[in-house]
Amino acid sequence: MFACNYYDFYLFGFLKSVSSRPSVNEWVDNVIVKKGYCPHKKQLLQETAKKREVQKKPLNIGLGKQFIRYAICGGIATAVDFIAFFLLVWFVFPALQPDDIMVRFLGISVVEVDEALRARHFLYACAGAFVVSNLCAYLLNLFFVFEGGRHKRWLEALLFYGVSLGSTGAGVALGWGLIHFVGLGTTWSALSKIACSVLVNFAGRKWIVFKS
């Protein structure tokens, strides 16, 4: 058994504390073990490695359970989207009318604007709510539904937003086509749009954005 060289041991500890690169930390750990600065370090490293392996294990859930989790997270993100949209059209981009159902329900006072400005503000609020709700959806999907790591984090987030935009476009196109070419009712077309968006989102996030 080697005696602990505390000077070197603390020096290596300092290197680990100031470095965020896994390769440097791994090199320091290997040196500590090989030189015998702290014999129990090897056992600690082995225990840490086992914990990391457990953390790296993918979500062992079936497709059905995964879709249920996805649907629940989607419901939460939808609620966030609605709340963010309402707050934006109330405080930031005025677009509420006195006879609006939410205005009457909450009993609030609003600033009236002309129809052209209301339409523009509606689009601005939709864009803002899209960013906020998809950030919420991304975090929920990352921690509770799928496994991250297929791409770098910034690219993963960018692809997530891209898939969301693509699914929205696909759903709108389907709904428009059902009305224009098939003559389907508006409500059924809207429901078809939602179903299409949900499925495209799930497939894109599962096989493009995340690992599984």
Foldseek 3Di string as FASTA:
>chain_A
DDEAPVVVVVVLVVQVVPDPDPVSVVVSLVVCCVVVNDVCSVVVVVVVVVVVVVVPDWDPDDPVVLLVLLVVLVVVLVVQLVVQLVVCCAPPQPQDDCPDPVCVVVVDDGDDDDPVSNVVSSVVSNVVSLVVSLVSSVVSCPPPRFPADPDPPVVLSVQLSVLLVVLLVVLVVQLVCCCPPVVDDNVVSNVSSVVSSSVSSVVCCDPPRHPD
